[in-house]
Protein backbone atom coordinates (compact mmCIF):
# COMPACT_ATOMS: atom_id res chain seq x y z
CA MET A 1 -12.57 52.96 3.98
CA LYS A 2 -15.38 53.70 1.58
CA ASP A 3 -14.11 51.35 -1.14
CA LYS A 4 -13.80 47.87 0.36
CA LYS A 5 -11.93 46.11 -2.41
CA PHE A 6 -10.98 43.12 -0.31
CA GLN A 7 -14.24 42.36 1.44
CA ASP A 8 -15.26 38.71 1.82
CA PHE A 9 -17.09 36.92 -0.92
CA PRO A 10 -20.73 36.26 0.01
CA LYS A 11 -21.26 32.88 1.59
CA ALA A 12 -22.71 30.16 -0.61
CA ASP A 13 -23.89 26.78 0.60
CA LYS A 14 -23.58 23.56 -1.36
CA GLN A 15 -27.10 23.76 -2.75
CA ALA A 16 -26.27 27.12 -4.30
CA TRP A 17 -23.28 25.53 -6.03
CA ILE A 18 -25.46 22.67 -7.30
CA ASP A 19 -28.08 25.11 -8.53
CA GLN A 20 -25.46 27.06 -10.48
CA ALA A 21 -23.96 23.88 -11.92
CA THR A 22 -27.42 22.69 -12.97
CA LYS A 23 -28.05 26.01 -14.66
CA ASP A 24 -24.73 25.76 -16.53
CA LEU A 25 -25.64 22.25 -17.69
CA LYS A 26 -28.56 23.79 -19.60
CA GLY A 27 -31.08 21.11 -18.83
CA ASP A 28 -28.81 18.07 -18.51
CA ASP A 29 -29.27 15.94 -15.41
CA PHE A 30 -26.83 17.01 -12.66
CA GLU A 31 -26.26 13.57 -11.16
CA LYS A 32 -25.97 11.85 -14.53
CA GLN A 33 -23.40 14.34 -15.80
CA LEU A 34 -21.36 15.19 -12.72
CA VAL A 35 -21.82 12.44 -10.11
CA SER A 36 -19.70 9.38 -10.77
CA MET A 37 -19.94 5.91 -9.27
CA ALA A 38 -16.70 4.65 -7.76
CA ILE A 39 -15.71 1.09 -8.63
CA GLU A 40 -16.03 0.47 -4.88
CA GLY A 41 -19.81 0.94 -5.22
CA PHE A 42 -20.55 4.38 -3.77
CA PRO A 43 -21.20 7.75 -5.47
CA VAL A 44 -18.47 10.38 -5.76
CA PHE A 45 -19.68 13.96 -6.03
CA PRO A 46 -17.87 16.72 -7.95
CA TYR A 47 -17.90 19.06 -4.99
CA TYR A 48 -17.76 18.66 -1.21
CA ALA A 49 -18.53 21.37 1.33
CA VAL A 50 -18.71 21.78 5.08
CA GLU A 51 -22.24 20.32 4.95
CA ASP A 52 -20.65 16.99 4.01
CA THR A 53 -18.54 16.76 7.18
CA LYS A 54 -21.26 15.81 9.64
CA GLU A 55 -20.43 12.12 9.34
CA THR A 56 -16.64 12.59 9.19
CA GLN A 57 -15.82 14.46 12.40
CA TRP A 58 -14.45 11.29 14.01
CA ILE A 59 -11.74 11.11 11.34
CA LYS A 60 -10.16 14.38 12.50
CA THR A 61 -8.71 12.72 15.62
CA ASN A 62 -6.39 10.85 13.25
CA ASP A 63 -5.11 13.92 11.42
CA ASN A 64 -1.34 14.55 11.45
CA ARG A 65 -0.65 11.10 12.93
CA ILE A 66 1.41 9.60 10.12
CA ASN A 67 4.74 8.95 11.81
CA PRO A 68 6.27 9.59 15.24
CA ALA A 69 8.33 12.75 15.62
CA SER A 70 11.91 12.29 14.52
CA ASP A 71 14.54 11.74 17.23
CA ILE A 72 16.93 13.99 15.29
CA PRO A 73 16.44 17.73 15.99
CA GLY A 74 15.81 19.81 12.87
CA ASN A 75 14.51 16.93 10.73
CA PRO A 76 11.36 17.56 8.67
CA PRO A 77 8.09 16.40 10.26
CA ARG A 78 7.33 13.87 7.51
CA TYR A 79 9.75 11.09 6.72
CA TRP A 80 9.64 7.77 4.93
CA THR A 81 12.09 5.10 3.77
CA ASN A 82 13.05 4.99 0.10
CA ALA A 83 13.41 1.24 -0.45
CA VAL A 84 14.89 -0.45 -3.52
CA GLU A 85 15.20 -4.09 -4.50
CA VAL A 86 18.69 -5.37 -5.25
CA ALA A 87 19.61 -8.80 -6.60
CA HIS A 88 22.59 -10.53 -8.20
CA GLU A 89 23.99 -14.06 -8.12
CA ASP A 90 27.52 -12.81 -7.44
CA PRO A 91 27.72 -11.58 -3.81
CA VAL A 92 30.60 -9.22 -4.64
CA VAL A 93 28.62 -7.54 -7.42
CA LEU A 94 25.56 -7.43 -5.15
CA ASN A 95 27.59 -5.68 -2.45
CA GLU A 96 28.72 -3.07 -4.97
CA GLU A 97 25.13 -2.47 -6.06
CA ILE A 98 24.00 -2.16 -2.44
CA LYS A 99 26.63 0.49 -1.75
CA LEU A 100 25.74 2.28 -5.00
CA VAL A 101 22.04 2.62 -4.20
CA LEU A 102 22.71 3.61 -0.58
CA GLN A 103 25.07 6.34 -1.73
CA ASN A 104 22.51 7.60 -4.24
CA GLY A 105 19.29 8.24 -2.38
CA ALA A 106 18.07 4.88 -1.07
CA ASP A 107 17.92 4.12 2.65
CA GLY A 108 16.10 0.78 2.50
CA LEU A 109 17.06 -2.53 0.89
CA ILE A 110 14.81 -5.36 -0.31
CA LEU A 111 16.71 -8.64 -0.62
CA SER A 112 15.85 -12.24 -1.43
CA LEU A 113 17.86 -14.46 0.90
CA SER A 114 18.39 -18.18 1.45
CA GLU A 115 20.48 -20.15 3.91
CA LYS A 116 23.24 -20.24 1.27
CA THR A 117 23.56 -16.47 0.88
CA ASP A 118 27.03 -15.07 1.63
CA LEU A 119 25.88 -12.43 4.11
CA ASP A 120 29.40 -11.36 5.11
CA THR A 121 30.19 -10.40 1.54
CA ILE A 122 26.95 -8.74 0.50
CA PHE A 123 26.79 -6.61 3.67
CA LYS A 124 30.46 -5.63 3.72
CA ASP A 125 30.84 -1.94 4.71
CA VAL A 126 27.05 -1.56 5.09
CA LEU A 127 26.08 0.44 8.18
CA PHE A 128 22.93 -1.18 9.54
CA PRO A 129 21.90 1.56 12.02
CA TYR A 130 21.27 4.00 9.14
CA ILE A 131 19.16 1.83 6.84
CA SER A 132 16.34 -0.70 6.90
CA ILE A 133 16.55 -4.27 5.58
CA TRP A 134 13.48 -6.01 4.16
CA ILE A 135 13.96 -9.73 3.64
CA LYS A 136 12.11 -11.89 1.09
CA PRO A 137 12.86 -15.48 2.10
CA THR A 138 13.26 -18.03 -0.69
CA GLU A 139 11.80 -21.56 -0.76
CA LYS A 140 12.12 -22.43 2.95
CA PRO A 141 11.08 -19.28 4.83
CA TYR A 142 11.93 -20.37 8.36
CA THR A 143 15.31 -21.84 7.43
CA SER A 144 16.32 -18.75 5.43
CA LEU A 145 15.21 -16.33 8.13
CA LYS A 146 16.83 -18.32 10.95
CA PHE A 147 20.07 -18.17 9.00
CA PHE A 148 19.72 -14.37 8.77
CA SER A 149 18.70 -14.02 12.44
CA ASP A 150 21.66 -16.10 13.62
CA TRP A 151 24.01 -14.02 11.48
CA LEU A 152 22.63 -10.77 12.92
CA GLN A 153 23.24 -11.92 16.46
CA LEU A 154 26.91 -12.60 15.63
CA GLN A 155 27.52 -9.04 14.37
CA GLY A 156 27.66 -7.40 17.78
CA LEU A 157 25.14 -4.73 16.83
CA GLU A 158 22.73 -3.11 19.24
CA PRO A 159 19.33 -4.84 18.81
CA ASN A 160 17.64 -1.45 18.39
CA ALA A 161 19.93 -0.68 15.43
CA ILE A 162 18.34 -3.33 13.21
CA HIS A 163 15.44 -1.89 11.22
CA GLY A 164 13.23 -3.48 8.57
CA GLY A 165 11.12 -6.60 8.41
CA VAL A 166 10.11 -9.82 6.68
CA LEU A 167 8.31 -9.47 3.33
CA TRP A 168 6.47 -12.79 3.61
CA ASP A 169 2.83 -13.44 4.50
CA GLY A 170 2.08 -17.11 5.07
CA LEU A 171 -1.66 -16.69 4.51
CA ALA A 172 -1.30 -14.67 1.30
CA LYS A 173 0.87 -17.50 -0.05
CA GLY A 174 -2.34 -19.50 -0.24
CA PHE A 175 -3.27 -17.58 -3.37
CA GLN A 176 -0.18 -18.92 -5.13
CA GLN A 177 -0.10 -22.50 -3.85
CA PRO A 178 -2.20 -24.77 -1.64
CA ILE A 179 -1.59 -24.23 2.08
CA GLN A 180 -2.71 -25.66 5.40
CA LEU A 181 -3.81 -23.08 7.95
CA ASP A 182 -2.17 -24.65 11.00
CA VAL A 183 1.12 -25.19 9.17
CA GLN A 184 1.27 -21.57 8.01
CA LEU A 185 0.33 -20.20 11.42
CA ASP A 186 3.10 -22.31 12.99
CA ARG A 187 5.60 -20.89 10.50
CA ILE A 188 4.51 -17.30 11.11
CA TYR A 189 4.69 -17.81 14.88
CA ASN A 190 8.15 -19.38 14.72
CA ILE A 191 9.45 -16.62 12.44
CA HIS A 192 8.05 -14.04 14.85
CA ARG A 193 10.02 -15.68 17.67
CA LEU A 194 13.25 -15.54 15.64
CA PHE A 195 13.34 -11.74 15.76
CA GLU A 196 12.07 -11.05 19.28
CA ALA A 197 15.48 -9.64 20.20
CA PHE A 198 15.20 -6.95 17.50
CA PRO A 199 12.33 -4.58 18.45
CA ASN A 200 12.59 -2.48 15.26
CA PHE A 201 12.58 -5.45 12.88
CA ARG A 202 8.97 -6.30 12.02
CA SER A 203 8.49 -10.00 11.46
CA ILE A 204 4.73 -10.14 10.75
CA CYS A 205 3.59 -9.01 7.30
CA LEU A 206 -0.04 -8.44 6.31
CA ASP A 207 0.11 -8.57 2.50
CA THR A 208 -2.80 -6.87 0.75
CA THR A 209 -0.96 -6.45 -2.58
CA ILE A 210 -2.31 -9.78 -3.85
CA TYR A 211 -5.83 -8.33 -3.89
CA ALA A 212 -4.80 -5.04 -5.51
CA ASN A 213 -2.62 -6.63 -8.18
CA SER A 214 -5.39 -9.03 -9.14
CA GLY A 215 -7.92 -6.27 -9.70
CA GLY A 216 -9.51 -5.92 -6.27
CA SER A 217 -11.13 -2.67 -5.16
CA SER A 218 -9.94 -0.57 -2.24
CA VAL A 219 -12.82 -1.88 -0.13
CA GLN A 220 -11.81 -5.48 -0.90
CA GLN A 221 -8.17 -4.79 -0.12
CA ILE A 222 -9.02 -3.34 3.27
CA GLY A 223 -11.84 -5.76 4.11
CA TYR A 224 -10.03 -8.97 3.17
CA GLY A 225 -6.82 -7.64 4.70
CA LEU A 226 -8.50 -7.03 8.04
CA ALA A 227 -10.22 -10.43 7.88
CA ALA A 228 -6.86 -12.12 7.28
CA LEU A 229 -5.43 -10.19 10.22
CA VAL A 230 -8.20 -11.42 12.51
CA GLU A 231 -7.49 -14.99 11.37
CA LEU A 232 -3.78 -14.43 11.93
CA TRP A 233 -4.23 -12.86 15.36
CA ASP A 234 -6.55 -15.58 16.63
CA GLY A 235 -4.12 -18.26 15.50
CA LEU A 236 -1.01 -16.61 16.94
CA THR A 237 -2.57 -15.75 20.30
CA GLU A 238 -3.72 -19.38 20.59
CA ARG A 239 -0.04 -20.31 20.21
CA GLY A 240 0.93 -18.10 23.14
CA ALA A 241 1.80 -14.79 21.52
CA GLY A 242 0.56 -11.63 23.19
CA ALA A 243 -1.68 -9.31 21.20
CA GLU A 244 0.40 -6.24 22.10
CA GLU A 245 3.70 -7.75 20.97
CA LEU A 246 2.07 -8.92 17.74
CA TYR A 247 0.81 -5.45 16.85
CA SER A 248 4.21 -3.94 17.58
CA ASN A 249 5.77 -6.41 15.13
CA LEU A 250 3.20 -5.98 12.34
CA PHE A 251 3.37 -3.99 9.12
CA ILE A 252 0.95 -3.75 6.19
CA PHE A 253 2.29 -4.37 2.69
CA THR A 254 0.00 -2.58 0.25
CA ALA A 255 0.02 -1.75 -3.46
CA VAL A 256 -0.90 1.77 -4.59
CA GLY A 257 -2.68 2.32 -7.90
CA SER A 258 -3.45 5.32 -10.09
CA ASP A 259 -6.82 6.37 -8.63
CA TYR A 260 -5.09 9.31 -6.97
CA PHE A 261 -7.43 10.45 -4.20
CA MET A 262 -8.93 7.00 -3.61
CA GLU A 263 -5.45 5.61 -2.96
CA ILE A 264 -4.68 8.42 -0.51
CA ALA A 265 -7.92 7.62 1.30
CA LYS A 266 -7.19 3.87 1.21
CA LEU A 267 -3.89 4.21 3.06
CA LYS A 268 -5.37 6.59 5.62
CA THR A 269 -8.28 4.20 6.13
CA LEU A 270 -5.92 1.25 6.64
CA ARG A 271 -4.06 3.18 9.34
CA ILE A 272 -7.27 4.14 11.13
CA ALA A 273 -8.83 0.69 10.77
CA LEU A 274 -5.80 -1.11 12.18
CA SER A 275 -5.70 1.22 15.16
CA HIS A 276 -9.41 0.59 15.82
CA LEU A 277 -9.06 -3.16 15.33
CA ALA A 278 -6.27 -3.21 17.92
CA GLU A 279 -8.70 -1.73 20.45
CA LEU A 280 -10.87 -4.85 20.11
CA TYR A 281 -7.86 -6.84 21.34
CA HIS A 282 -7.40 -4.34 24.20
CA VAL A 283 -4.21 -3.00 22.64
CA ASN A 284 -3.43 0.71 22.48
CA LEU A 285 -2.03 1.24 19.00
CA PRO A 286 -1.76 4.95 18.14
CA PRO A 287 -2.24 5.61 14.41
CA GLU A 288 1.31 6.94 14.07
CA GLU A 289 2.68 3.58 15.24
CA VAL A 290 1.03 1.70 12.35
CA LYS A 291 3.63 0.75 9.73
CA LEU A 292 2.58 0.99 6.06
CA PHE A 293 4.90 -0.39 3.37
CA SER A 294 3.67 0.78 -0.05
CA VAL A 295 4.71 -0.46 -3.48
CA SER A 296 3.71 0.74 -6.94
CA SER A 297 0.89 -1.35 -8.39
CA LYS A 298 1.35 -4.12 -10.96
CA TRP A 299 -2.30 -3.99 -12.02
CA ASN A 300 -2.13 -0.96 -14.30
CA LYS A 301 1.32 -1.29 -15.87
CA SER A 302 1.93 -1.62 -19.62
CA ALA A 303 4.52 -3.75 -21.38
CA GLN A 304 4.00 -1.77 -24.59
CA GLU A 305 4.41 1.72 -23.13
CA PRO A 306 7.05 1.58 -20.35
CA TYR A 307 7.41 5.37 -20.17
CA ASN A 308 3.73 5.64 -19.33
CA ASN A 309 4.56 3.40 -16.39
CA LEU A 310 7.02 6.03 -15.25
CA LEU A 311 4.19 8.58 -15.05
CA ARG A 312 1.96 6.14 -13.23
CA ASN A 313 4.77 5.33 -10.79
CA THR A 314 5.06 9.03 -10.01
CA THR A 315 1.38 9.61 -9.25
CA GLU A 316 1.27 6.38 -7.24
CA ALA A 317 4.28 7.48 -5.19
CA MET A 318 2.56 10.82 -4.55
CA SER A 319 -0.60 9.05 -3.36
CA ALA A 320 1.46 6.74 -1.15
CA ILE A 321 3.31 9.58 0.55
CA LEU A 322 0.25 11.79 0.98
CA GLY A 323 -1.68 8.77 2.23
CA GLY A 324 0.91 8.14 4.91
CA CYS A 325 3.25 5.36 3.81
CA ASN A 326 6.28 4.76 6.03
CA VAL A 327 8.22 2.79 3.43
CA LEU A 328 7.97 3.40 -0.32
CA PHE A 329 9.15 1.00 -3.01
CA VAL A 330 8.78 2.16 -6.62
CA GLU A 331 9.41 -0.62 -9.11
CA PRO A 332 11.31 0.18 -12.33
CA HIS A 333 9.02 1.30 -15.14
CA ASP A 334 10.42 -1.21 -17.68
CA LYS A 335 10.09 -4.23 -15.42
CA TYR A 336 7.16 -5.57 -17.42
CA SER A 337 8.92 -5.56 -20.78
CA GLN A 338 12.55 -6.41 -19.96
CA ILE A 339 15.08 -6.87 -17.20
CA PRO A 340 15.37 -3.39 -15.63
CA ASP A 341 18.51 -1.53 -16.65
CA ASP A 342 20.56 0.97 -14.65
CA PHE A 343 18.57 3.91 -16.02
CA SER A 344 15.15 2.58 -15.05
CA LYS A 345 16.36 1.56 -11.60
CA ARG A 346 17.81 5.03 -11.05
CA MET A 347 14.58 6.68 -12.22
CA ALA A 348 12.52 4.52 -9.85
CA ARG A 349 14.84 5.33 -6.97
CA ASN A 350 14.79 9.05 -7.74
CA ILE A 351 10.99 9.44 -7.75
CA SER A 352 10.98 9.35 -3.97
CA ASN A 353 14.01 11.64 -3.78
CA ILE A 354 12.47 14.25 -6.10
CA LEU A 355 9.19 14.27 -4.17
CA LYS A 356 11.17 14.84 -1.00
CA GLU A 357 13.96 17.17 -2.10
CA GLU A 358 12.26 19.17 -4.88
CA ALA A 359 8.51 18.87 -4.27
CA HIS A 360 9.06 19.14 -0.48
CA PHE A 361 6.55 16.44 0.44
CA ASP A 362 8.45 16.03 3.71
CA LYS A 363 7.75 19.57 4.93
CA VAL A 364 4.11 18.97 5.94
CA ILE A 365 3.25 15.86 7.89
CA ASP A 366 -0.32 15.36 6.61
CA PRO A 367 -1.32 17.61 3.68
CA ALA A 368 -4.54 15.66 3.05
CA ALA A 369 -5.83 16.32 6.58
CA GLY A 370 -9.01 18.38 6.54
CA SER A 371 -9.89 17.68 2.91
CA TYR A 372 -13.68 17.33 2.71
CA PHE A 373 -13.29 15.05 -0.32
CA VAL A 374 -10.69 12.73 1.21
CA GLU A 375 -12.52 12.57 4.52
CA ASN A 376 -15.70 11.47 2.77
CA LEU A 377 -13.78 8.80 0.87
CA ILE A 378 -12.27 7.56 4.14
CA GLU A 379 -15.68 7.39 5.78
CA LYS A 380 -17.10 5.39 2.86
CA LEU A 381 -14.12 3.01 2.64
CA TYR A 382 -14.08 2.46 6.41
CA THR A 383 -17.80 1.73 6.58
CA GLU A 384 -17.81 -0.59 3.57
CA ALA A 385 -14.65 -2.42 4.67
CA PHE A 386 -15.95 -3.13 8.17
CA THR A 387 -19.28 -4.24 6.71
CA SER A 388 -17.31 -6.69 4.58
CA LEU A 389 -15.26 -7.82 7.60
CA LYS A 390 -18.39 -8.51 9.65
CA ALA A 391 -19.92 -10.49 6.78
CA ILE A 392 -16.77 -12.61 6.44
CA GLU A 393 -16.66 -13.27 10.19
CA ALA A 394 -20.34 -14.25 10.16
CA GLU A 395 -19.52 -16.91 7.53
CA GLY A 396 -16.67 -18.40 9.57
CA GLY A 397 -13.78 -16.03 8.94
CA TRP A 398 -11.11 -15.43 6.32
CA TRP A 399 -9.97 -19.05 6.13
CA GLN A 400 -13.45 -20.36 5.35
CA ALA A 401 -13.94 -17.67 2.73
CA TYR A 402 -10.59 -18.61 1.17
CA ALA A 403 -11.19 -22.37 1.31
CA ASN A 404 -14.65 -21.99 -0.23
CA HIS A 405 -13.25 -19.74 -2.99
CA LEU A 406 -15.49 -16.84 -1.97
CA ILE A 407 -12.58 -14.40 -1.94
CA GLN A 408 -11.28 -15.60 -5.29
CA GLU A 409 -14.67 -15.29 -6.93
CA ASP A 410 -15.34 -11.85 -5.45
CA ILE A 411 -12.00 -10.52 -6.72
CA ARG A 412 -12.63 -12.14 -10.10
CA LYS A 413 -15.96 -10.30 -10.40
CA MET A 414 -14.33 -6.99 -9.53
CA ARG A 415 -11.54 -7.63 -12.02
CA ARG A 416 -14.10 -8.20 -14.81
CA LYS A 417 -16.01 -5.11 -13.70
CA LYS A 418 -12.88 -2.97 -13.95
CA ILE A 419 -11.99 -4.30 -17.38
CA ALA A 420 -15.56 -3.74 -18.61
CA ARG A 421 -15.63 -0.20 -17.25
CA HIS A 422 -12.39 0.78 -18.95
CA ALA A 423 -13.47 -0.85 -22.18
CA GLU A 424 -16.68 1.19 -22.03
CA GLU A 425 -14.73 4.39 -21.40
CA ARG A 426 -12.38 3.54 -24.24
CA PHE A 427 -15.14 3.12 -26.83
CA ARG A 428 -17.77 5.49 -25.49
CA LYS A 429 -16.73 8.34 -27.79
CA PRO A 430 -14.98 8.24 -31.17
CA GLY A 431 -11.71 10.02 -31.72
CA PRO A 432 -8.40 10.11 -29.87
CA ILE A 433 -8.19 9.80 -26.11
CA THR A 434 -6.58 12.83 -24.51
CA GLU A 435 -7.61 12.53 -20.87
CA GLY A 436 -4.35 11.67 -19.19
CA ILE A 437 -2.11 8.69 -18.61
CA ASP A 438 -4.82 6.33 -17.42
CA GLN A 439 -6.69 6.76 -20.71
CA HIS A 440 -3.78 5.90 -22.97
CA GLU A 441 -4.81 3.63 -25.82
CA ALA A 442 -2.11 1.00 -25.36
CA PHE A 443 -2.94 0.83 -21.67
CA ILE A 444 -6.59 0.07 -22.41
CA GLU A 445 -5.96 -2.32 -25.27
CA GLU A 446 -3.74 -4.52 -23.13
CA GLY A 447 -6.82 -5.31 -21.10
CA TYR A 448 -4.99 -5.30 -17.79
CA GLN A 449 -3.16 -8.56 -18.28
CA LEU A 450 -1.32 -9.47 -15.09
CA ARG A 451 1.87 -10.68 -16.68
CA SER A 452 3.76 -10.98 -13.42
CA ILE A 453 1.29 -13.30 -11.67
CA SER A 454 -0.84 -14.56 -14.55
CA GLN A 455 -0.46 -18.28 -13.88
CA GLU A 456 -0.16 -18.23 -10.11
CA SER A 457 -2.60 -15.51 -9.15
CA LEU A 458 -5.53 -16.08 -6.87
CA LEU A 459 -7.82 -15.75 -9.89
CA ASN A 460 -6.45 -18.93 -11.45
CA HIS A 461 -5.55 -20.99 -8.39
CA SER A 462 -7.96 -23.63 -7.14
CA LEU A 463 -7.49 -26.03 -4.26
C-alpha cells in the first residue's frame, strides 16, 4: 500500500510530553501548575508512562489476584458480597426485612446481636449456605457471640456452610473507651476459639475505619492498621494460637472515601501488605485469600445535602470494587440527617447491584492491573506505610503509640490539614464551584464534622 492511513503514531517518551505541556503553559511553571501534592505527602504527576514503572515491577505479581476462582462453573471472574445492615426491635419485623433485602439484591447481612436476641425468629426461612452473616456484638461481646455460636451448632448445618464474620475489633475499641491490652487480647482470643468449627466464618477483625472516619490519610490507615495487627498477632500467638490459623480467620474492615484512584490503590496496597506481613510469620497467604470488607466513608458525608452523599457513595463503591473488596457495604445516603427510609436503603443496596448487573464490574477480575498511575500510587503507599510501621515498632509498638497518644495526635494533625486544604480550595478563587461533587459548597462549609462519632472518636478520647 502506498497510502498507509493506519500506520503507528511516532513514539514519544515522557519528556516529550512534558516539553509539550510546558510549551502549552506559555511560561507557567510545569510542576507548580500540573503536579499536585497528595495529602499523604508525596507528589502526584499528571501523566505516567512506561519510564515510571521501573520501581513498580514487583507489584505485577499481585495482578488479577483479587478473589479465588468461583466454585460454580460459568460465574463471572469477579465477585463480591453485597452486604446490608438490618435492625428492628421486633424480631418478626426484622425477619421480614431480612427476607426482603435477600430477595432484592443483597447476599450479606449485618446484624447487631445480644444474648437476648430471638435468633429462631429473625432467621426463620433464611438459607445460610447462600449468604454471609456479619455480627456486631452489643455490650458484652463474648457473651453475645457465644450465644450465637451455640445457636449455630444446634442448627445441624454443615460447618462450611456458615459464611461471614465478627465486626468487632477489641483494639480499635480503645479509641472509643479506655481499654486494657491484656483484657482485650483475651477477649479476641476467646472469641476466635468460639468459631473454630466454622472455617468460613472469620472471627478476627482488623478495623481501620476508625482512622479513615476521623480524617486519617491512606498511609496512616495502612500503617496504623498493620501496627495494630502486629500487636494483635504477638498477643494471640503468646496465648497459643497459631499464626496460620489466625491469618485464615482474619479480615480487614476498611472505609473507602472519595479520592477515587487513591482509594483503589489503598485497597490493593492493603492486600499486598497483608500478604507480605504474613511471610514474616512464615505463613503463606496468597493475595487472593486476603479478605477485605469495605464500607462507604463517614468522613465526607453531608447532613445538608443527602443526595450528594448518594453520588459519593457511588464513586466510593466503584473504588472499593476496582480496588478489590470482597464485601461491600454502602450506607444509606440520608443516614446523617434522619433515620434511613425504605427508599434510601433500597438505593444503597442497589448501587452494588447496578455496578454488577449494568456496569459489568464483575466481568473483569482486576481492571486496575497494569495502570501506571495506580501502580505508582501503590508503590508510594506501600513504602510510606511500612516506613510508618517500622517507626512505630521502634518506639515500642502500636500499644505504646496508642497509650502515649501518638496515634491520636498524628490523626488530629492530618484531620486539621485536610480541613485547611479544603478551606483553601474553597476560597482560592471567587465565583461558584463547579468542579464535581467533592467541591460542593455545602460539603465544604460543613467543615467535615464527624456527627456519627463526634464525642467518642479517637480525636476526643483521652485515657
